Amino acid sequence: MSSVNVTVRMDSDIKAQVEELYTSLGMNMSTAINMFVRQCLRERQLPFQPSLNVPNQETIEAIKEAKEMLRTGNFKRYTVDEAFEELEKEC
């Protein structure tokens, strides 16, 4: 089987990061790309599910709030009953 060269354009920072990852996994970029292509052929689809499911602004804010609460430890603890009572108030 003969080989051909394929050129791929990508951000230099992304390339450096992914090369570091692949090296830690014991492979180079060429091997990783060949694995990806072979998996596509084997499964007759992409080996992951592409999605446009991007969180809306309210969800992004809730995620930020939750991360901040975890970082600072500043959050209220509830019993199960208290949690349901709070949820009922919201509805």
N, C-alpha and C. Protein backbone atom coordinates (compact mmCIF):
# COMPACT_ATOMS: atom_id res chain seq x y z
N MET A 1 0.85 -1.18 0.00
CA MET A 1 0.00 0.00 0.00
C MET A 1 0.90 1.24 0.00
N SER A 2 0.67 2.15 -0.94
CA SER A 2 1.49 3.36 -1.01
C SER A 2 0.93 4.44 -0.09
N SER A 3 1.81 5.32 0.34
CA SER A 3 1.43 6.42 1.23
C SER A 3 1.37 7.72 0.45
N VAL A 4 0.53 8.63 0.93
CA VAL A 4 0.47 9.97 0.36
C VAL A 4 0.56 10.97 1.51
N ASN A 5 0.98 12.17 1.20
CA ASN A 5 1.02 13.24 2.18
C ASN A 5 -0.30 13.99 2.17
N VAL A 6 -0.77 14.37 3.35
CA VAL A 6 -1.99 15.15 3.51
C VAL A 6 -1.62 16.37 4.34
N THR A 7 -2.06 17.53 3.90
CA THR A 7 -1.78 18.77 4.62
C THR A 7 -3.03 19.21 5.38
N VAL A 8 -2.86 19.52 6.66
CA VAL A 8 -3.96 19.97 7.51
C VAL A 8 -3.57 21.29 8.13
N ARG A 9 -4.46 22.27 8.06
CA ARG A 9 -4.20 23.56 8.69
C ARG A 9 -4.89 23.59 10.06
N MET A 10 -4.16 24.08 11.07
CA MET A 10 -4.76 24.25 12.39
C MET A 10 -3.98 25.29 13.16
N ASP A 11 -4.60 25.80 14.19
CA ASP A 11 -3.99 26.80 15.06
C ASP A 11 -2.71 26.20 15.67
N SER A 12 -1.64 26.99 15.72
CA SER A 12 -0.36 26.47 16.21
C SER A 12 -0.41 26.07 17.69
N ASP A 13 -1.20 26.79 18.49
CA ASP A 13 -1.33 26.43 19.91
C ASP A 13 -2.04 25.08 20.07
N ILE A 14 -3.10 24.88 19.27
CA ILE A 14 -3.82 23.61 19.31
C ILE A 14 -2.89 22.48 18.88
N LYS A 15 -2.12 22.70 17.84
CA LYS A 15 -1.18 21.68 17.36
C LYS A 15 -0.20 21.29 18.45
N ALA A 16 0.37 22.28 19.12
CA ALA A 16 1.34 22.00 20.18
C ALA A 16 0.69 21.20 21.32
N GLN A 17 -0.53 21.58 21.69
CA GLN A 17 -1.22 20.87 22.77
C GLN A 17 -1.53 19.43 22.40
N VAL A 18 -2.01 19.23 21.17
CA VAL A 18 -2.40 17.88 20.78
C VAL A 18 -1.16 17.01 20.54
N GLU A 19 -0.06 17.59 20.06
CA GLU A 19 1.16 16.82 19.91
C GLU A 19 1.67 16.35 21.28
N GLU A 20 1.55 17.21 22.28
CA GLU A 20 1.95 16.84 23.64
C GLU A 20 1.07 15.67 24.14
N LEU A 21 -0.24 15.77 23.89
CA LEU A 21 -1.14 14.70 24.29
C LEU A 21 -0.78 13.40 23.59
N TYR A 22 -0.62 13.45 22.27
CA TYR A 22 -0.31 12.24 21.51
C TYR A 22 1.02 11.63 21.95
N THR A 23 2.00 12.46 22.23
CA THR A 23 3.29 11.95 22.71
C THR A 23 3.11 11.21 24.03
N SER A 24 2.28 11.77 24.91
CA SER A 24 2.05 11.10 26.20
C SER A 24 1.31 9.77 26.01
N LEU A 25 0.59 9.65 24.89
CA LEU A 25 -0.10 8.40 24.57
C LEU A 25 0.78 7.46 23.74
N GLY A 26 2.01 7.89 23.44
CA GLY A 26 2.95 7.03 22.72
C GLY A 26 2.79 7.04 21.22
N MET A 27 2.27 8.14 20.67
CA MET A 27 2.11 8.21 19.22
C MET A 27 2.39 9.63 18.73
N ASN A 28 2.44 9.78 17.42
CA ASN A 28 2.61 11.10 16.84
C ASN A 28 1.31 11.52 16.15
N MET A 29 1.31 12.71 15.59
CA MET A 29 0.11 13.26 14.94
C MET A 29 -0.33 12.38 13.78
N SER A 30 0.61 11.90 12.98
CA SER A 30 0.28 11.08 11.82
C SER A 30 -0.44 9.80 12.25
N THR A 31 0.06 9.15 13.28
CA THR A 31 -0.58 7.92 13.79
C THR A 31 -1.99 8.22 14.28
N ALA A 32 -2.14 9.30 15.04
CA ALA A 32 -3.45 9.66 15.59
C ALA A 32 -4.46 9.95 14.47
N ILE A 33 -4.04 10.68 13.46
CA ILE A 33 -4.94 11.00 12.35
C ILE A 33 -5.31 9.72 11.58
N ASN A 34 -4.34 8.84 11.38
CA ASN A 34 -4.63 7.57 10.72
C ASN A 34 -5.61 6.73 11.53
N MET A 35 -5.47 6.74 12.86
CA MET A 35 -6.42 6.02 13.71
C MET A 35 -7.83 6.59 13.55
N PHE A 36 -7.92 7.92 13.53
CA PHE A 36 -9.22 8.58 13.37
C PHE A 36 -9.87 8.17 12.05
N VAL A 37 -9.11 8.24 10.96
CA VAL A 37 -9.64 7.93 9.63
C VAL A 37 -10.06 6.46 9.55
N ARG A 38 -9.24 5.56 10.08
CA ARG A 38 -9.59 4.14 10.04
C ARG A 38 -10.84 3.85 10.87
N GLN A 39 -10.98 4.53 12.00
CA GLN A 39 -12.18 4.34 12.81
C GLN A 39 -13.41 4.84 12.06
N CYS A 40 -13.30 5.96 11.36
CA CYS A 40 -14.41 6.46 10.53
C CYS A 40 -14.81 5.42 9.49
N LEU A 41 -13.83 4.84 8.82
CA LEU A 41 -14.12 3.83 7.80
C LEU A 41 -14.74 2.58 8.40
N ARG A 42 -14.21 2.16 9.55
CA ARG A 42 -14.72 0.95 10.20
C ARG A 42 -16.18 1.11 10.61
N GLU A 43 -16.49 2.27 11.20
CA GLU A 43 -17.84 2.51 11.72
C GLU A 43 -18.78 3.14 10.70
N ARG A 44 -18.21 3.59 9.58
CA ARG A 44 -18.99 4.27 8.54
C ARG A 44 -19.67 5.53 9.09
N GLN A 45 -19.00 6.17 10.03
CA GLN A 45 -19.48 7.42 10.63
C GLN A 45 -18.33 8.05 11.41
N LEU A 46 -18.55 9.26 11.89
CA LEU A 46 -17.55 9.86 12.76
C LEU A 46 -17.52 9.10 14.09
N PRO A 47 -16.36 8.95 14.69
CA PRO A 47 -16.27 8.20 15.94
C PRO A 47 -16.68 9.03 17.17
N PHE A 48 -17.43 10.07 16.96
CA PHE A 48 -18.00 10.89 18.02
C PHE A 48 -19.24 11.54 17.46
N GLN A 49 -20.08 12.07 18.32
CA GLN A 49 -21.32 12.68 17.85
C GLN A 49 -21.17 14.20 17.82
N PRO A 50 -21.10 14.79 16.62
CA PRO A 50 -21.02 16.25 16.53
C PRO A 50 -22.31 16.86 17.09
N SER A 51 -22.18 17.98 17.75
CA SER A 51 -23.35 18.59 18.37
C SER A 51 -23.24 20.10 18.34
N LEU A 52 -24.35 20.74 18.14
CA LEU A 52 -24.43 22.19 18.24
C LEU A 52 -25.12 22.58 19.55
N ASN A 53 -25.17 21.63 20.47
CA ASN A 53 -25.84 21.84 21.74
C ASN A 53 -24.97 22.72 22.64
N VAL A 54 -25.11 24.03 22.47
CA VAL A 54 -24.33 25.00 23.23
C VAL A 54 -25.22 25.55 24.33
N PRO A 55 -24.71 25.61 25.57
CA PRO A 55 -25.57 26.12 26.65
C PRO A 55 -25.95 27.58 26.42
N ASN A 56 -27.19 27.92 26.82
CA ASN A 56 -27.62 29.31 26.71
C ASN A 56 -27.01 30.13 27.84
N GLN A 57 -27.23 31.44 27.81
CA GLN A 57 -26.60 32.33 28.77
C GLN A 57 -27.00 32.00 30.21
N GLU A 58 -28.27 31.63 30.42
CA GLU A 58 -28.72 31.29 31.78
C GLU A 58 -27.96 30.07 32.31
N THR A 59 -27.76 29.07 31.45
CA THR A 59 -27.04 27.87 31.86
C THR A 59 -25.57 28.19 32.11
N ILE A 60 -24.99 29.02 31.27
CA ILE A 60 -23.59 29.42 31.46
C ILE A 60 -23.42 30.11 32.81
N GLU A 61 -24.35 31.01 33.13
CA GLU A 61 -24.29 31.71 34.42
C GLU A 61 -24.45 30.74 35.59
N ALA A 62 -25.35 29.76 35.45
CA ALA A 62 -25.55 28.77 36.52
C ALA A 62 -24.29 27.93 36.72
N ILE A 63 -23.62 27.58 35.63
CA ILE A 63 -22.37 26.81 35.72
C ILE A 63 -21.31 27.63 36.43
N LYS A 64 -21.19 28.91 36.06
CA LYS A 64 -20.22 29.79 36.72
C LYS A 64 -20.52 29.91 38.20
N GLU A 65 -21.79 30.07 38.53
CA GLU A 65 -22.20 30.19 39.93
C GLU A 65 -21.85 28.92 40.71
N ALA A 66 -22.14 27.77 40.13
CA ALA A 66 -21.85 26.50 40.80
C ALA A 66 -20.34 26.32 41.01
N LYS A 67 -19.54 26.67 40.02
CA LYS A 67 -18.08 26.56 40.14
C LYS A 67 -17.57 27.48 41.24
N GLU A 68 -18.12 28.68 41.29
CA GLU A 68 -17.71 29.64 42.33
C GLU A 68 -18.10 29.13 43.71
N MET A 69 -19.29 28.55 43.82
CA MET A 69 -19.73 28.00 45.10
C MET A 69 -18.81 26.86 45.54
N LEU A 70 -18.41 26.01 44.62
CA LEU A 70 -17.50 24.92 44.95
C LEU A 70 -16.13 25.45 45.34
N ARG A 71 -15.69 26.49 44.63
CA ARG A 71 -14.37 27.07 44.91
C ARG A 71 -14.32 27.68 46.31
N THR A 72 -15.37 28.41 46.66
CA THR A 72 -15.37 29.14 47.94
C THR A 72 -15.98 28.35 49.09
N GLY A 73 -16.74 27.32 48.77
CA GLY A 73 -17.44 26.58 49.81
C GLY A 73 -18.64 27.32 50.35
N ASN A 74 -19.04 28.37 49.64
CA ASN A 74 -20.15 29.23 50.07
C ASN A 74 -21.46 28.76 49.43
N PHE A 75 -22.06 27.75 50.03
CA PHE A 75 -23.34 27.27 49.52
C PHE A 75 -24.13 26.67 50.68
N LYS A 76 -25.44 26.62 50.51
CA LYS A 76 -26.33 26.10 51.54
C LYS A 76 -26.51 24.60 51.32
N ARG A 77 -26.53 23.87 52.42
CA ARG A 77 -26.79 22.43 52.36
C ARG A 77 -28.25 22.19 52.73
N TYR A 78 -28.86 21.27 52.02
CA TYR A 78 -30.27 20.95 52.21
C TYR A 78 -30.44 19.48 52.55
N THR A 79 -31.46 19.19 53.35
CA THR A 79 -31.93 17.81 53.45
C THR A 79 -32.76 17.57 52.20
N VAL A 80 -33.12 16.34 51.94
CA VAL A 80 -33.94 16.04 50.77
C VAL A 80 -35.27 16.77 50.87
N ASP A 81 -35.89 16.75 52.04
CA ASP A 81 -37.18 17.42 52.21
C ASP A 81 -37.05 18.93 51.98
N GLU A 82 -36.00 19.54 52.52
CA GLU A 82 -35.79 20.97 52.32
C GLU A 82 -35.58 21.30 50.84
N ALA A 83 -34.85 20.45 50.16
CA ALA A 83 -34.61 20.68 48.73
C ALA A 83 -35.92 20.66 47.96
N PHE A 84 -36.78 19.68 48.25
CA PHE A 84 -38.07 19.62 47.57
C PHE A 84 -38.95 20.83 47.92
N GLU A 85 -38.90 21.27 49.16
CA GLU A 85 -39.66 22.46 49.55
C GLU A 85 -39.19 23.69 48.76
N GLU A 86 -37.89 23.84 48.61
CA GLU A 86 -37.35 24.96 47.84
C GLU A 86 -37.77 24.87 46.37
N LEU A 87 -37.73 23.67 45.82
CA LEU A 87 -38.13 23.48 44.44
C LEU A 87 -39.60 23.80 44.24
N GLU A 88 -40.43 23.42 45.20
CA GLU A 88 -41.85 23.70 45.10
C GLU A 88 -42.12 25.20 45.12
N LYS A 89 -41.33 25.95 45.87
CA LYS A 89 -41.46 27.40 45.94
C LYS A 89 -41.19 28.03 44.57
N GLU A 90 -40.23 27.45 43.84
CA GLU A 90 -39.82 27.98 42.54
C GLU A 90 -40.89 27.77 41.48
N CYS A 91 -41.70 26.72 41.64
CA CYS A 91 -42.71 26.40 40.62
C CYS A 91 -43.92 27.17 40.89
